[in-house]
Amino acid sequence: MEKLTAKEEEIMQVLWKVEQSFVKDMLPYFTDPPLHYNTVSTIIRNLEEKGYVGHQAYGNTHQYYPIISKEDYQNRFVLKKVVSDYFDDSYKNLVSYFAKKDKISVDELKEIITMIEKGQ
């Protein structure tokens, strides 16, 4: 499985949100800049070839759905890359960064510790 382009990720974000969709129903989600039907259709077929998206045929039209969950993608590419590139491959450094910047409270840290202890 390969990392997606920015536009592919944008389309996957919509599919993860709506769970299944026809291309025409996805268009309102792309407003800045708006994407043309053919552009979305081409990208979604590429996503299907890459194994990220499946479809259900209804005559000449297709309803698309994600095969890879958002969580799986985040774990493989997004979070791993951020921790690797910015936090020396250390989740401890990541958490301490947010603690130092007052982006995470003591109660939230305690909740994380409890989750780790319970193996969640």
PDB file of N, CA and C in Angstrom:
ATOM      1  N   MET A   1       0.847  -1.171   0.000  1.00  0.00           N
ATOM      2  CA  MET A   1       0.000   0.000   0.000  1.00  0.00           C
ATOM      3  C   MET A   1       0.895   1.237   0.000  1.00  0.00           C
ATOM      4  N   GLU A   2       0.559   2.185  -0.854  1.00  0.00           N
ATOM      5  CA  GLU A   2       1.362   3.393  -0.961  1.00  0.00           C
ATOM      6  C   GLU A   2       0.641   4.603  -0.390  1.00  0.00           C
ATOM      7  N   LYS A   3       1.423   5.599  -0.001  1.00  0.00           N
ATOM      8  CA  LYS A   3       0.865   6.848   0.517  1.00  0.00           C
ATOM      9  C   LYS A   3       0.120   7.547  -0.605  1.00  0.00           C
ATOM     10  N   LEU A   4      -0.958   8.199  -0.256  1.00  0.00           N
ATOM     11  CA  LEU A   4      -1.793   8.876  -1.240  1.00  0.00           C
ATOM     12  C   LEU A   4      -1.314  10.302  -1.504  1.00  0.00           C
ATOM     13  N   THR A   5      -1.687  10.814  -2.674  1.00  0.00           N
ATOM     14  CA  THR A   5      -1.438  12.216  -2.984  1.00  0.00           C
ATOM     15  C   THR A   5      -2.411  13.072  -2.165  1.00  0.00           C
ATOM     16  N   ALA A   6      -2.179  14.377  -2.154  1.00  0.00           N
ATOM     17  CA  ALA A   6      -3.052  15.285  -1.394  1.00  0.00           C
ATOM     18  C   ALA A   6      -4.499  15.209  -1.890  1.00  0.00           C
ATOM     19  N   LYS A   7      -4.700  15.187  -3.200  1.00  0.00           N
ATOM     20  CA  LYS A   7      -6.065  15.110  -3.752  1.00  0.00           C
ATOM     21  C   LYS A   7      -6.716  13.761  -3.442  1.00  0.00           C
ATOM     22  N   GLU A   8      -5.927  12.688  -3.506  1.00  0.00           N
ATOM     23  CA  GLU A   8      -6.466  11.373  -3.161  1.00  0.00           C
ATOM     24  C   GLU A   8      -6.886  11.346  -1.696  1.00  0.00           C
ATOM     25  N   GLU A   9      -6.066  11.926  -0.830  1.00  0.00           N
ATOM     26  CA  GLU A   9      -6.431  11.989   0.592  1.00  0.00           C
ATOM     27  C   GLU A   9      -7.699  12.812   0.792  1.00  0.00           C
ATOM     28  N   GLU A  10      -7.829  13.894   0.046  1.00  0.00           N
ATOM     29  CA  GLU A  10      -9.017  14.743   0.148  1.00  0.00           C
ATOM     30  C   GLU A  10     -10.277  13.955  -0.206  1.00  0.00           C
ATOM     31  N   ILE A  11     -10.203  13.159  -1.250  1.00  0.00           N
ATOM     32  CA  ILE A  11     -11.351  12.345  -1.653  1.00  0.00           C
ATOM     33  C   ILE A  11     -11.615  11.239  -0.626  1.00  0.00           C
ATOM     34  N   MET A  12     -10.550  10.631  -0.118  1.00  0.00           N
ATOM     35  CA  MET A  12     -10.729   9.596   0.912  1.00  0.00           C
ATOM     36  C   MET A  12     -11.370  10.185   2.164  1.00  0.00           C
ATOM     37  N   GLN A  13     -11.010  11.416   2.527  1.00  0.00           N
ATOM     38  CA  GLN A  13     -11.625  12.051   3.697  1.00  0.00           C
ATOM     39  C   GLN A  13     -13.144  12.105   3.535  1.00  0.00           C
ATOM     40  N   VAL A  14     -13.601  12.427   2.332  1.00  0.00           N
ATOM     41  CA  VAL A  14     -15.044  12.467   2.073  1.00  0.00           C
ATOM     42  C   VAL A  14     -15.638  11.065   2.184  1.00  0.00           C
ATOM     43  N   LEU A  15     -14.993  10.083   1.562  1.00  0.00           N
ATOM     44  CA  LEU A  15     -15.526   8.714   1.627  1.00  0.00           C
ATOM     45  C   LEU A  15     -15.544   8.180   3.057  1.00  0.00           C
ATOM     46  N   TRP A  16     -14.505   8.481   3.838  1.00  0.00           N
ATOM     47  CA  TRP A  16     -14.515   8.041   5.237  1.00  0.00           C
ATOM     48  C   TRP A  16     -15.657   8.703   6.000  1.00  0.00           C
ATOM     49  N   LYS A  17     -15.956   9.927   5.647  1.00  0.00           N
ATOM     50  CA  LYS A  17     -17.027  10.656   6.337  1.00  0.00           C
ATOM     51  C   LYS A  17     -18.413  10.129   5.962  1.00  0.00           C
ATOM     52  N   VAL A  18     -18.659   9.962   4.667  1.00  0.00           N
ATOM     53  CA  VAL A  18     -20.002   9.573   4.215  1.00  0.00           C
ATOM     54  C   VAL A  18     -20.181   8.057   4.081  1.00  0.00           C
ATOM     55  N   GLU A  19     -19.086   7.307   4.102  1.00  0.00           N
ATOM     56  CA  GLU A  19     -19.042   5.843   4.065  1.00  0.00           C
ATOM     57  C   GLU A  19     -19.288   5.235   2.692  1.00  0.00           C
ATOM     58  N   GLN A  20     -20.136   5.813   1.883  1.00  0.00           N
ATOM     59  CA  GLN A  20     -20.341   5.369   0.506  1.00  0.00           C
ATOM     60  C   GLN A  20     -20.965   6.509  -0.280  1.00  0.00           C
ATOM     61  N   SER A  21     -20.611   6.591  -1.564  1.00  0.00           N
ATOM     62  CA  SER A  21     -21.109   7.730  -2.332  1.00  0.00           C
ATOM     63  C   SER A  21     -20.931   7.518  -3.824  1.00  0.00           C
ATOM     64  N   PHE A  22     -21.814   8.138  -4.588  1.00  0.00           N
ATOM     65  CA  PHE A  22     -21.638   8.275  -6.015  1.00  0.00           C
ATOM     66  C   PHE A  22     -20.763   9.506  -6.243  1.00  0.00           C
ATOM     67  N   VAL A  23     -20.059   9.554  -7.363  1.00  0.00           N
ATOM     68  CA  VAL A  23     -19.169  10.687  -7.644  1.00  0.00           C
ATOM     69  C   VAL A  23     -19.941  12.002  -7.594  1.00  0.00           C
ATOM     70  N   LYS A  24     -21.108  12.055  -8.208  1.00  0.00           N
ATOM     71  CA  LYS A  24     -21.882  13.304  -8.269  1.00  0.00           C
ATOM     72  C   LYS A  24     -22.245  13.818  -6.870  1.00  0.00           C
ATOM     73  N   ASP A  25     -22.432  12.907  -5.920  1.00  0.00           N
ATOM     74  CA  ASP A  25     -22.799  13.307  -4.565  1.00  0.00           C
ATOM     75  C   ASP A  25     -21.595  13.784  -3.750  1.00  0.00           C
ATOM     76  N   MET A  26     -20.392  13.518  -4.258  1.00  0.00           N
ATOM     77  CA  MET A  26     -19.179  13.959  -3.570  1.00  0.00           C
ATOM     78  C   MET A  26     -18.802  15.390  -3.949  1.00  0.00           C
ATOM     79  N   LEU A  27     -19.233  15.851  -5.104  1.00  0.00           N
ATOM     80  CA  LEU A  27     -18.800  17.145  -5.632  1.00  0.00           C
ATOM     81  C   LEU A  27     -19.022  18.324  -4.684  1.00  0.00           C
ATOM     82  N   PRO A  28     -20.139  18.400  -3.949  1.00  0.00           N
ATOM     83  CA  PRO A  28     -20.333  19.547  -3.040  1.00  0.00           C
ATOM     84  C   PRO A  28     -19.281  19.649  -1.925  1.00  0.00           C
ATOM     85  N   TYR A  29     -18.560  18.587  -1.658  1.00  0.00           N
ATOM     86  CA  TYR A  29     -17.535  18.613  -0.616  1.00  0.00           C
ATOM     87  C   TYR A  29     -16.253  19.295  -1.084  1.00  0.00           C
ATOM     88  N   PHE A  30     -16.115  19.509  -2.378  1.00  0.00           N
ATOM     89  CA  PHE A  30     -14.901  20.096  -2.937  1.00  0.00           C
ATOM     90  C   PHE A  30     -15.207  21.494  -3.458  1.00  0.00           C
ATOM     91  N   THR A  31     -15.018  22.475  -2.586  1.00  0.00           N
ATOM     92  CA  THR A  31     -15.402  23.840  -2.951  1.00  0.00           C
ATOM     93  C   THR A  31     -14.227  24.802  -3.097  1.00  0.00           C
ATOM     94  N   ASP A  32     -13.084  24.464  -2.539  1.00  0.00           N
ATOM     95  CA  ASP A  32     -11.962  25.410  -2.568  1.00  0.00           C
ATOM     96  C   ASP A  32     -10.667  24.729  -2.963  1.00  0.00           C
ATOM     97  N   PRO A  33     -10.369  24.570  -4.189  1.00  0.00           N
ATOM     98  CA  PRO A  33     -11.183  24.922  -5.370  1.00  0.00           C
ATOM     99  C   PRO A  33     -12.166  23.796  -5.683  1.00  0.00           C
ATOM    100  N   PRO A  34     -13.224  24.123  -6.415  1.00  0.00           N
ATOM    101  CA  PRO A  34     -14.173  23.084  -6.808  1.00  0.00           C
ATOM    102  C   PRO A  34     -13.508  22.098  -7.763  1.00  0.00           C
ATOM    103  N   LEU A  35     -13.880  20.837  -7.635  1.00  0.00           N
ATOM    104  CA  LEU A  35     -13.338  19.816  -8.525  1.00  0.00           C
ATOM    105  C   LEU A  35     -14.404  19.398  -9.528  1.00  0.00           C
ATOM    106  N   HIS A  36     -13.996  19.191 -10.754  1.00  0.00           N
ATOM    107  CA  HIS A  36     -14.887  18.758 -11.828  1.00  0.00           C
ATOM    108  C   HIS A  36     -15.228  17.277 -11.652  1.00  0.00           C
ATOM    109  N   TYR A  37     -16.380  16.899 -12.107  1.00  0.00           N
ATOM    110  CA  TYR A  37     -16.842  15.507 -12.034  1.00  0.00           C
ATOM    111  C   TYR A  37     -15.787  14.548 -12.581  1.00  0.00           C
ATOM    112  N   ASN A  38     -15.238  14.853 -13.762  1.00  0.00           N
ATOM    113  CA  ASN A  38     -14.260  13.957 -14.393  1.00  0.00           C
ATOM    114  C   ASN A  38     -12.998  13.817 -13.551  1.00  0.00           C
ATOM    115  N   THR A  39     -12.600  14.882 -12.885  1.00  0.00           N
ATOM    116  CA  THR A  39     -11.412  14.839 -12.029  1.00  0.00           C
ATOM    117  C   THR A  39     -11.635  13.888 -10.864  1.00  0.00           C
ATOM    118  N   VAL A  40     -12.764  14.040 -10.193  1.00  0.00           N
ATOM    119  CA  VAL A  40     -13.080  13.177  -9.050  1.00  0.00           C
ATOM    120  C   VAL A  40     -13.212  11.731  -9.520  1.00  0.00           C
ATOM    121  N   SER A  41     -13.860  11.531 -10.650  1.00  0.00           N
ATOM    122  CA  SER A  41     -14.047  10.183 -11.184  1.00  0.00           C
ATOM    123  C   SER A  41     -12.705   9.519 -11.493  1.00  0.00           C
ATOM    124  N   THR A  42     -11.787  10.261 -12.098  1.00  0.00           N
ATOM    125  CA  THR A  42     -10.465   9.719 -12.418  1.00  0.00           C
ATOM    126  C   THR A  42      -9.696   9.373 -11.152  1.00  0.00           C
ATOM    127  N   ILE A  43      -9.708  10.284 -10.180  1.00  0.00           N
ATOM    128  CA  ILE A  43      -8.974  10.043  -8.930  1.00  0.00           C
ATOM    129  C   ILE A  43      -9.551   8.852  -8.185  1.00  0.00           C
ATOM    130  N   ILE A  44     -10.853   8.743  -8.160  1.00  0.00           N
ATOM    131  CA  ILE A  44     -11.466   7.641  -7.416  1.00  0.00           C
ATOM    132  C   ILE A  44     -11.181   6.297  -8.089  1.00  0.00           C
ATOM    133  N   ARG A  45     -11.094   6.281  -9.425  1.00  0.00           N
ATOM    134  CA  ARG A  45     -10.714   5.038 -10.110  1.00  0.00           C
ATOM    135  C   ARG A  45      -9.258   4.675  -9.789  1.00  0.00           C
ATOM    136  N   ASN A  46      -8.395   5.695  -9.687  1.00  0.00           N
ATOM    137  CA  ASN A  46      -7.003   5.447  -9.278  1.00  0.00           C
ATOM    138  C   ASN A  46      -6.954   4.873  -7.868  1.00  0.00           C
ATOM    139  N   LEU A  47      -7.795   5.406  -6.980  1.00  0.00           N
ATOM    140  CA  LEU A  47      -7.865   4.893  -5.605  1.00  0.00           C
ATOM    141  C   LEU A  47      -8.329   3.437  -5.600  1.00  0.00           C
ATOM    142  N   GLU A  48      -9.221   3.123  -6.503  1.00  0.00           N
ATOM    143  CA  GLU A  48      -9.702   1.742  -6.606  1.00  0.00           C
ATOM    144  C   GLU A  48      -8.570   0.823  -7.079  1.00  0.00           C
ATOM    145  N   GLU A  49      -7.799   1.277  -8.058  1.00  0.00           N
ATOM    146  CA  GLU A  49      -6.666   0.488  -8.549  1.00  0.00           C
ATOM    147  C   GLU A  49      -5.612   0.279  -7.461  1.00  0.00           C
ATOM    148  N   LYS A  50      -5.460   1.263  -6.578  1.00  0.00           N
ATOM    149  CA  LYS A  50      -4.481   1.175  -5.487  1.00  0.00           C
ATOM    150  C   LYS A  50      -4.982   0.330  -4.321  1.00  0.00           C
ATOM    151  N   GLY A  51      -6.268  -0.056  -4.355  1.00  0.00           N
ATOM    152  CA  GLY A  51      -6.826  -0.904  -3.307  1.00  0.00           C
ATOM    153  C   GLY A  51      -7.425  -0.167  -2.126  1.00  0.00           C
ATOM    154  N   TYR A  52      -7.645   1.128  -2.275  1.00  0.00           N
ATOM    155  CA  TYR A  52      -8.230   1.916  -1.191  1.00  0.00           C
ATOM    156  C   TYR A  52      -9.750   1.975  -1.252  1.00  0.00           C
ATOM    157  N   VAL A  53     -10.302   1.806  -2.447  1.00  0.00           N
ATOM    158  CA  VAL A  53     -11.731   2.020  -2.679  1.00  0.00           C
ATOM    159  C   VAL A  53     -12.304   0.837  -3.440  1.00  0.00           C
ATOM    160  N   GLY A  54     -13.539   0.495  -3.102  1.00  0.00           N
ATOM    161  CA  GLY A  54     -14.287  -0.503  -3.848  1.00  0.00           C
ATOM    162  C   GLY A  54     -15.551   0.138  -4.399  1.00  0.00           C
ATOM    163  N   HIS A  55     -16.307  -0.590  -5.193  1.00  0.00           N
ATOM    164  CA  HIS A  55     -17.559  -0.027  -5.701  1.00  0.00           C
ATOM    165  C   HIS A  55     -18.638  -1.095  -5.850  1.00  0.00           C
ATOM    166  N   GLN A  56     -19.848  -0.615  -5.853  1.00  0.00           N
ATOM    167  CA  GLN A  56     -21.029  -1.420  -6.138  1.00  0.00           C
ATOM    168  C   GLN A  56     -21.642  -0.827  -7.404  1.00  0.00           C
ATOM    169  N   ALA A  57     -21.808  -1.634  -8.433  1.00  0.00           N
ATOM    170  CA  ALA A  57     -22.356  -1.147  -9.706  1.00  0.00           C
ATOM    171  C   ALA A  57     -23.877  -1.125  -9.661  1.00  0.00           C
ATOM    172  N   TYR A  58     -24.437  -0.047 -10.177  1.00  0.00           N
ATOM    173  CA  TYR A  58     -25.876   0.103 -10.356  1.00  0.00           C
ATOM    174  C   TYR A  58     -26.086   0.523 -11.806  1.00  0.00           C
ATOM    175  N   GLY A  59     -26.208  -0.431 -12.685  1.00  0.00           N
ATOM    176  CA  GLY A  59     -26.286  -0.112 -14.114  1.00  0.00           C
ATOM    177  C   GLY A  59     -24.959   0.479 -14.576  1.00  0.00           C
ATOM    178  N   ASN A  60     -25.031   1.688 -15.131  1.00  0.00           N
ATOM    179  CA  ASN A  60     -23.825   2.351 -15.637  1.00  0.00           C
ATOM    180  C   ASN A  60     -23.120   3.211 -14.597  1.00  0.00           C
ATOM    181  N   THR A  61     -23.651   3.281 -13.414  1.00  0.00           N
ATOM    182  CA  THR A  61     -23.055   4.137 -12.383  1.00  0.00           C
ATOM    183  C   THR A  61     -22.505   3.278 -11.245  1.00  0.00           C
ATOM    184  N   HIS A  62     -21.601   3.867 -10.486  1.00  0.00           N
ATOM    185  CA  HIS A  62     -20.956   3.134  -9.398  1.00  0.00           C
ATOM    186  C   HIS A  62     -21.060   3.918  -8.093  1.00  0.00           C
ATOM    187  N   GLN A  63     -21.338   3.179  -7.046  1.00  0.00           N
ATOM    188  CA  GLN A  63     -21.312   3.756  -5.704  1.00  0.00           C
ATOM    189  C   GLN A  63     -20.016   3.268  -5.052  1.00  0.00           C
ATOM    190  N   TYR A  64     -19.196   4.223  -4.611  1.00  0.00           N
ATOM    191  CA  TYR A  64     -17.874   3.902  -4.081  1.00  0.00           C
ATOM    192  C   TYR A  64     -17.873   3.883  -2.560  1.00  0.00           C
ATOM    193  N   TYR A  65     -16.994   3.079  -2.001  1.00  0.00           N
ATOM    194  CA  TYR A  65     -16.858   2.983  -0.546  1.00  0.00           C
ATOM    195  C   TYR A  65     -15.394   2.699  -0.209  1.00  0.00           C
ATOM    196  N   PRO A  66     -14.946   3.140   0.969  1.00  0.00           N
ATOM    197  CA  PRO A  66     -13.550   2.897   1.350  1.00  0.00           C
ATOM    198  C   PRO A  66     -13.336   1.442   1.753  1.00  0.00           C
ATOM    199  N   ILE A  67     -12.223   0.885   1.338  1.00  0.00           N
ATOM    200  CA  ILE A  67     -11.829  -0.458   1.761  1.00  0.00           C
ATOM    201  C   ILE A  67     -10.887  -0.355   2.957  1.00  0.00           C
ATOM    202  N   ILE A  68     -10.050   0.656   2.950  1.00  0.00           N
ATOM    203  CA  ILE A  68      -9.093   0.909   4.028  1.00  0.00           C
ATOM    204  C   ILE A  68      -9.709   1.917   4.992  1.00  0.00           C
ATOM    205  N   SER A  69      -9.699   1.614   6.277  1.00  0.00           N
ATOM    206  CA  SER A  69     -10.275   2.540   7.252  1.00  0.00           C
ATOM    207  C   SER A  69      -9.363   3.749   7.449  1.00  0.00           C
ATOM    208  N   LYS A  70      -9.952   4.820   7.891  1.00  0.00           N
ATOM    209  CA  LYS A  70      -9.194   6.034   8.169  1.00  0.00           C
ATOM    210  C   LYS A  70      -8.123   5.764   9.225  1.00  0.00           C
ATOM    211  N   GLU A  71      -8.471   4.990  10.229  1.00  0.00           N
ATOM    212  CA  GLU A  71      -7.526   4.667  11.305  1.00  0.00           C
ATOM    213  C   GLU A  71      -6.328   3.880  10.768  1.00  0.00           C
ATOM    214  N   ASP A  72      -6.579   2.912   9.905  1.00  0.00           N
ATOM    215  CA  ASP A  72      -5.481   2.144   9.314  1.00  0.00           C
ATOM    216  C   ASP A  72      -4.552   3.047   8.515  1.00  0.00           C
ATOM    217  N   TYR A  73      -5.128   3.931   7.728  1.00  0.00           N
ATOM    218  CA  TYR A  73      -4.317   4.843   6.920  1.00  0.00           C
ATOM    219  C   TYR A  73      -3.502   5.770   7.815  1.00  0.00           C
ATOM    220  N   GLN A  74      -4.141   6.332   8.838  1.00  0.00           N
ATOM    221  CA  GLN A  74      -3.433   7.213   9.765  1.00  0.00           C
ATOM    222  C   GLN A  74      -2.264   6.492  10.419  1.00  0.00           C
ATOM    223  N   ASN A  75      -2.496   5.269  10.858  1.00  0.00           N
ATOM    224  CA  ASN A  75      -1.442   4.502  11.525  1.00  0.00           C
ATOM    225  C   ASN A  75      -0.278   4.201  10.593  1.00  0.00           C
ATOM    226  N   ARG A  76      -0.570   3.909   9.335  1.00  0.00           N
ATOM    227  CA  ARG A  76       0.487   3.539   8.390  1.00  0.00           C
ATOM    228  C   ARG A  76       1.272   4.729   7.862  1.00  0.00           C
ATOM    229  N   PHE A  77       0.610   5.844   7.650  1.00  0.00           N
ATOM    230  CA  PHE A  77       1.264   6.932   6.936  1.00  0.00           C
ATOM    231  C   PHE A  77       1.314   8.254   7.695  1.00  0.00           C
ATOM    232  N   VAL A  78       0.204   8.692   8.229  1.00  0.00           N
ATOM    233  CA  VAL A  78       0.135  10.042   8.781  1.00  0.00           C
ATOM    234  C   VAL A  78       0.886  10.138  10.099  1.00  0.00           C
ATOM    235  N   LEU A  79       0.438   9.413  11.086  1.00  0.00           N
ATOM    236  CA  LEU A  79       1.038   9.526  12.414  1.00  0.00           C
ATOM    237  C   LEU A  79       2.485   9.059  12.409  1.00  0.00           C
ATOM    238  N   LYS A  80       2.747   7.966  11.733  1.00  0.00           N
ATOM    239  CA  LYS A  80       4.104   7.431  11.670  1.00  0.00           C
ATOM    240  C   LYS A  80       5.063   8.458  11.081  1.00  0.00           C
ATOM    241  N   LYS A  81       4.641   9.141  10.017  1.00  0.00           N
ATOM    242  CA  LYS A  81       5.494  10.142   9.367  1.00  0.00           C
ATOM    243  C   LYS A  81       5.721  11.344  10.262  1.00  0.00           C
ATOM    244  N   VAL A  82       4.683  11.822  10.919  1.00  0.00           N
ATOM    245  CA  VAL A  82       4.817  12.975  11.814  1.00  0.00           C
ATOM    246  C   VAL A  82       5.774  12.643  12.956  1.00  0.00           C
ATOM    247  N   VAL A  83       5.581  11.487  13.580  1.00  0.00           N
ATOM    248  CA  VAL A  83       6.447  11.105  14.703  1.00  0.00           C
ATOM    249  C   VAL A  83       7.876  10.915  14.216  1.00  0.00           C
ATOM    250  N   SER A  84       8.038  10.318  13.068  1.00  0.00           N
ATOM    251  CA  SER A  84       9.379  10.089  12.521  1.00  0.00           C
ATOM    252  C   SER A  84      10.064  11.399  12.138  1.00  0.00           C
ATOM    253  N   ASP A  85       9.358  12.254  11.406  1.00  0.00           N
ATOM    254  CA  ASP A  85       9.967  13.471  10.868  1.00  0.00           C
ATOM    255  C   ASP A  85      10.159  14.580  11.897  1.00  0.00           C
ATOM    256  N   TYR A  86       9.272  14.660  12.886  1.00  0.00           N
ATOM    257  CA  TYR A  86       9.300  15.807  13.789  1.00  0.00           C
ATOM    258  C   TYR A  86       9.608  15.472  15.248  1.00  0.00           C
ATOM    259  N   PHE A  87       9.527  14.202  15.618  1.00  0.00           N
ATOM    260  CA  PHE A  87       9.700  13.842  17.028  1.00  0.00           C
ATOM    261  C   PHE A  87      10.700  12.705  17.232  1.00  0.00           C
ATOM    262  N   ASP A  88      11.669  12.593  16.334  1.00  0.00           N
ATOM    263  CA  ASP A  88      12.759  11.617  16.452  1.00  0.00           C
ATOM    264  C   ASP A  88      12.258  10.192  16.695  1.00  0.00           C
ATOM    265  N   ASP A  89      11.167   9.831  16.030  1.00  0.00           N
ATOM    266  CA  ASP A  89      10.593   8.485  16.164  1.00  0.00           C
ATOM    267  C   ASP A  89      10.180   8.155  17.596  1.00  0.00           C
ATOM    268  N   SER A  90       9.807   9.164  18.377  1.00  0.00           N
ATOM    269  CA  SER A  90       9.471   8.964  19.784  1.00  0.00           C
ATOM    270  C   SER A  90       8.075   9.510  20.088  1.00  0.00           C
ATOM    271  N   TYR A  91       7.175   8.612  20.476  1.00  0.00           N
ATOM    272  CA  TYR A  91       5.837   9.054  20.882  1.00  0.00           C
ATOM    273  C   TYR A  91       5.911   9.832  22.196  1.00  0.00           C
ATOM    274  N   LYS A  92       6.886   9.517  23.015  1.00  0.00           N
ATOM    275  CA  LYS A  92       7.104  10.269  24.250  1.00  0.00           C
ATOM    276  C   LYS A  92       7.393  11.729  23.913  1.00  0.00           C
ATOM    277  N   ASN A  93       8.242  11.961  22.918  1.00  0.00           N
ATOM    278  CA  ASN A  93       8.539  13.332  22.497  1.00  0.00           C
ATOM    279  C   ASN A  93       7.294  14.034  21.967  1.00  0.00           C
ATOM    280  N   LEU A  94       6.459  13.292  21.268  1.00  0.00           N
ATOM    281  CA  LEU A  94       5.211  13.855  20.749  1.00  0.00           C
ATOM    282  C   LEU A  94       4.315  14.322  21.885  1.00  0.00           C
ATOM    283  N   VAL A  95       4.089  13.452  22.862  1.00  0.00           N
ATOM    284  CA  VAL A  95       3.210  13.797  23.988  1.00  0.00           C
ATOM    285  C   VAL A  95       3.811  14.937  24.810  1.00  0.00           C
ATOM    286  N   SER A  96       5.118  14.891  25.047  1.00  0.00           N
ATOM    287  CA  SER A  96       5.742  15.949  25.846  1.00  0.00           C
ATOM    288  C   SER A  96       5.679  17.291  25.113  1.00  0.00           C
ATOM    289  N   TYR A  97       5.743  17.270  23.793  1.00  0.00           N
ATOM    290  CA  TYR A  97       5.600  18.504  23.013  1.00  0.00           C
ATOM    291  C   TYR A  97       4.250  19.160  23.313  1.00  0.00           C
ATOM    292  N   PHE A  98       3.187  18.371  23.263  1.00  0.00           N
ATOM    293  CA  PHE A  98       1.856  18.926  23.524  1.00  0.00           C
ATOM    294  C   PHE A  98       1.713  19.374  24.977  1.00  0.00           C
ATOM    295  N   ALA A  99       2.337  18.672  25.896  1.00  0.00           N
ATOM    296  CA  ALA A  99       2.289  19.070  27.309  1.00  0.00           C
ATOM    297  C   ALA A  99       3.007  20.407  27.500  1.00  0.00           C
ATOM    298  N   LYS A 100       4.162  20.557  26.877  1.00  0.00           N
ATOM    299  CA  LYS A 100       4.931  21.804  27.007  1.00  0.00           C
ATOM    300  C   LYS A 100       4.208  22.992  26.382  1.00  0.00           C
ATOM    301  N   LYS A 101       3.455  22.738  25.337  1.00  0.00           N
ATOM    302  CA  LYS A 101       2.728  23.814  24.646  1.00  0.00           C
ATOM    303  C   LYS A 101       1.339  24.043  25.244  1.00  0.00           C
ATOM    304  N   ASP A 102       1.052  23.396  26.375  1.00  0.00           N
ATOM    305  CA  ASP A 102      -0.253  23.505  27.032  1.00  0.00           C
ATOM    306  C   ASP A 102      -1.409  23.132  26.105  1.00  0.00           C
ATOM    307  N   LYS A 103      -1.168  22.137  25.250  1.00  0.00           N
ATOM    308  CA  LYS A 103      -2.206  21.656  24.340  1.00  0.00           C
ATOM    309  C   LYS A 103      -2.889  20.405  24.881  1.00  0.00           C
ATOM    310  N   ILE A 104      -2.379  19.910  26.013  1.00  0.00           N
ATOM    311  CA  ILE A 104      -2.965  18.729  26.634  1.00  0.00           C
ATOM    312  C   ILE A 104      -2.955  18.960  28.142  1.00  0.00           C
ATOM    313  N   SER A 105      -4.053  18.632  28.778  1.00  0.00           N
ATOM    314  CA  SER A 105      -4.181  18.886  30.211  1.00  0.00           C
ATOM    315  C   SER A 105      -3.666  17.700  31.024  1.00  0.00           C
ATOM    316  N   VAL A 106      -3.470  17.930  32.305  1.00  0.00           N
ATOM    317  CA  VAL A 106      -3.043  16.866  33.212  1.00  0.00           C
ATOM    318  C   VAL A 106      -4.094  15.756  33.227  1.00  0.00           C
ATOM    319  N   ASP A 107      -5.368  16.130  33.238  1.00  0.00           N
ATOM    320  CA  ASP A 107      -6.441  15.122  33.233  1.00  0.00           C
ATOM    321  C   ASP A 107      -6.396  14.271  31.964  1.00  0.00           C
ATOM    322  N   GLU A 108      -6.113  14.899  30.824  1.00  0.00           N
ATOM    323  CA  GLU A 108      -6.013  14.141  29.583  1.00  0.00           C
ATOM    324  C   GLU A 108      -4.808  13.200  29.612  1.00  0.00           C
ATOM    325  N   LEU A 109      -3.704  13.656  30.182  1.00  0.00           N
ATOM    326  CA  LEU A 109      -2.528  12.795  30.321  1.00  0.00           C
ATOM    327  C   LEU A 109      -2.828  11.600  31.227  1.00  0.00           C
ATOM    328  N   LYS A 110      -3.543  11.854  32.319  1.00  0.00           N
ATOM    329  CA  LYS A 110      -3.929  10.759  33.219  1.00  0.00           C
ATOM    330  C   LYS A 110      -4.830   9.764  32.495  1.00  0.00           C
ATOM    331  N   GLU A 111      -5.723  10.284  31.671  1.00  0.00           N
ATOM    332  CA  GLU A 111      -6.618   9.411  30.897  1.00  0.00           C
ATOM    333  C   GLU A 111      -5.806   8.555  29.923  1.00  0.00           C
ATOM    334  N   ILE A 112      -4.810   9.131  29.283  1.00  0.00           N
ATOM    335  CA  ILE A 112      -3.943   8.379  28.370  1.00  0.00           C
ATOM    336  C   ILE A 112      -3.186   7.285  29.135  1.00  0.00           C
ATOM    337  N   ILE A 113      -2.668   7.617  30.300  1.00  0.00           N
ATOM    338  CA  ILE A 113      -1.953   6.635  31.111  1.00  0.00           C
ATOM    339  C   ILE A 113      -2.880   5.481  31.491  1.00  0.00           C
ATOM    340  N   THR A 114      -4.109   5.803  31.868  1.00  0.00           N
ATOM    341  CA  THR A 114      -5.081   4.762  32.228  1.00  0.00           C
ATOM    342  C   THR A 114      -5.366   3.866  31.018  1.00  0.00           C
ATOM    343  N   MET A 115      -5.491   4.468  29.830  1.00  0.00           N
ATOM    344  CA  MET A 115      -5.732   3.679  28.628  1.00  0.00           C
ATOM    345  C   MET A 115      -4.554   2.753  28.335  1.00  0.00           C
ATOM    346  N   ILE A 116      -3.353   3.249  28.515  1.00  0.00           N
ATOM    347  CA  ILE A 116      -2.159   2.432  28.272  1.00  0.00           C
ATOM    348  C   ILE A 116      -2.108   1.272  29.271  1.00  0.00           C
ATOM    349  N   GLU A 117      -2.401   1.559  30.532  1.00  0.00           N
ATOM    350  CA  GLU A 117      -2.381   0.515  31.564  1.00  0.00           C
ATOM    351  C   GLU A 117      -3.433  -0.564  31.288  1.00  0.00           C
ATOM    352  N   LYS A 118      -4.569  -0.164  30.720  1.00  0.00           N
ATOM    353  CA  LYS A 118      -5.620  -1.126  30.414  1.00  0.00           C
ATOM    354  C   LYS A 118      -5.393  -1.817  29.080  1.00  0.00           C
ATOM    355  N   GLY A 119      -4.379  -1.369  28.344  1.00  0.00           N
ATOM    356  CA  GLY A 119      -4.063  -1.992  27.055  1.00  0.00           C
ATOM    357  C   GLY A 119      -5.004  -1.607  25.944  1.00  0.00           C
ATOM    358  N   GLN A 120      -5.572  -0.434  25.991  1.00  0.00           N
ATOM    359  CA  GLN A 120      -6.523   0.004  24.950  1.00  0.00           C
ATOM    360  C   GLN A 120      -5.815   0.627  23.800  1.00  0.00           C
TER     361      GLN A 120
END
